[in-house]
Amino acid sequence: MLEKVKLALRITDSDFDEELNALIASARADLAVAGITGTDSDTDPLIQTAVISYVKMHFGEPDEYDRLKASYDEQKAQLSTHTGHTEWGL
């Protein structure tokens, strides 16, 4: 997942890997708290997109924080109502 996040942020070196890994873990934890399952998946495109949005929102000082926050919140809300990403649908 780290490489996908770095690609989305256009980062090619490893200077920020520790911070990015912490943000990835935080994103996964935030999704799990919302009742979303499979947050450890590196292959689910919906989880990937949500994690990338979360990291973009929290990495550095983004100029478009409000837009990124709204995007992440929308993705999280959609995932939390999708039967394939919650336990209540099982």
Protein backbone atom coordinates (compact mmCIF):
# COMPACT_ATOMS: atom_id res chain seq x y z
CA MET A 1 0.00 0.00 0.00
CA LEU A 2 2.91 2.32 0.71
CA GLU A 3 4.00 2.30 -2.92
CA LYS A 4 0.46 3.13 -4.10
CA VAL A 5 0.25 6.03 -1.66
CA LYS A 6 3.66 7.33 -2.71
CA LEU A 7 2.64 7.15 -6.37
CA ALA A 8 -0.55 9.11 -5.62
CA LEU A 9 1.48 11.74 -3.77
CA ARG A 10 4.17 11.77 -6.50
CA ILE A 11 6.87 10.81 -3.98
CA THR A 12 9.80 8.77 -5.27
CA ASP A 13 12.18 8.61 -2.31
CA SER A 14 11.83 7.01 1.11
CA ASP A 15 12.24 10.13 3.27
CA PHE A 16 8.59 10.10 4.37
CA ASP A 17 7.96 6.34 4.54
CA GLU A 18 7.61 6.24 8.32
CA GLU A 19 5.06 9.07 8.33
CA LEU A 20 3.17 7.61 5.38
CA ASN A 21 3.02 4.16 6.98
CA ALA A 22 1.63 5.73 10.16
CA LEU A 23 -1.03 7.56 8.13
CA ILE A 24 -1.93 4.36 6.27
CA ALA A 25 -2.39 2.57 9.60
CA SER A 26 -4.46 5.47 10.90
CA ALA A 27 -6.67 5.40 7.81
CA ARG A 28 -7.27 1.69 8.20
CA ALA A 29 -8.10 2.13 11.87
CA ASP A 30 -10.51 4.98 11.10
CA LEU A 31 -12.32 2.83 8.53
CA ALA A 32 -12.48 -0.10 10.97
CA VAL A 33 -13.97 2.12 13.68
CA ALA A 34 -16.71 3.01 11.18
CA GLY A 35 -17.54 -0.72 10.94
CA ILE A 36 -15.81 -1.32 7.62
CA THR A 37 -14.21 -4.74 7.22
CA GLY A 38 -11.29 -5.75 5.05
CA THR A 39 -9.39 -2.56 5.77
CA ASP A 40 -6.09 -4.46 5.65
CA SER A 41 -6.66 -5.30 1.98
CA ASP A 42 -4.08 -3.96 -0.44
CA THR A 43 -6.05 -5.23 -3.43
CA ASP A 44 -9.56 -3.83 -2.82
CA PRO A 45 -9.77 -0.70 -4.98
CA LEU A 46 -12.38 0.95 -2.75
CA ILE A 47 -10.23 0.51 0.36
CA GLN A 48 -7.16 1.68 -1.57
CA THR A 49 -8.91 4.85 -2.72
CA ALA A 50 -10.19 5.65 0.76
CA VAL A 51 -6.75 5.12 2.32
CA ILE A 52 -5.09 7.28 -0.33
CA SER A 53 -7.66 10.03 0.20
CA TYR A 54 -7.09 9.91 3.97
CA VAL A 55 -3.32 10.11 3.56
CA LYS A 56 -3.56 12.99 1.08
CA MET A 57 -5.82 14.82 3.54
CA HIS A 58 -3.37 14.43 6.45
CA PHE A 59 0.04 14.54 4.77
CA GLY A 60 1.75 17.90 5.02
CA GLU A 61 -0.49 20.94 4.68
CA PRO A 62 -2.73 20.27 1.68
CA ASP A 63 -4.25 23.29 -0.03
CA GLU A 64 -7.47 21.39 -0.67
CA TYR A 65 -8.06 19.95 2.81
CA ASP A 66 -11.82 20.62 2.79
CA ARG A 67 -12.29 18.94 -0.59
CA LEU A 68 -10.17 15.97 0.46
CA LYS A 69 -12.05 15.64 3.75
CA ALA A 70 -15.41 15.69 1.97
CA SER A 71 -14.16 13.08 -0.50
CA TYR A 72 -12.86 10.78 2.24
CA ASP A 73 -16.03 11.17 4.32
CA GLU A 74 -18.14 10.27 1.28
CA GLN A 75 -16.02 7.20 0.53
CA LYS A 76 -16.20 6.08 4.16
CA ALA A 77 -19.97 6.56 4.24
CA GLN A 78 -20.41 4.56 1.05
CA LEU A 79 -18.19 1.74 2.31
CA SER A 80 -20.07 1.62 5.61
CA THR A 81 -23.35 0.95 3.80
CA HIS A 82 -21.97 -1.62 1.35
CA THR A 83 -22.72 -5.22 2.35
CA GLY A 84 -19.37 -6.41 1.02
CA HIS A 85 -17.48 -4.12 3.37
CA THR A 86 -19.41 -4.53 6.63
CA GLU A 87 -20.13 -7.40 8.98
CA TRP A 88 -23.87 -6.74 9.00
CA GLY A 89 -24.07 -7.86 5.37
CA LEU A 90 -22.66 -11.33 6.18
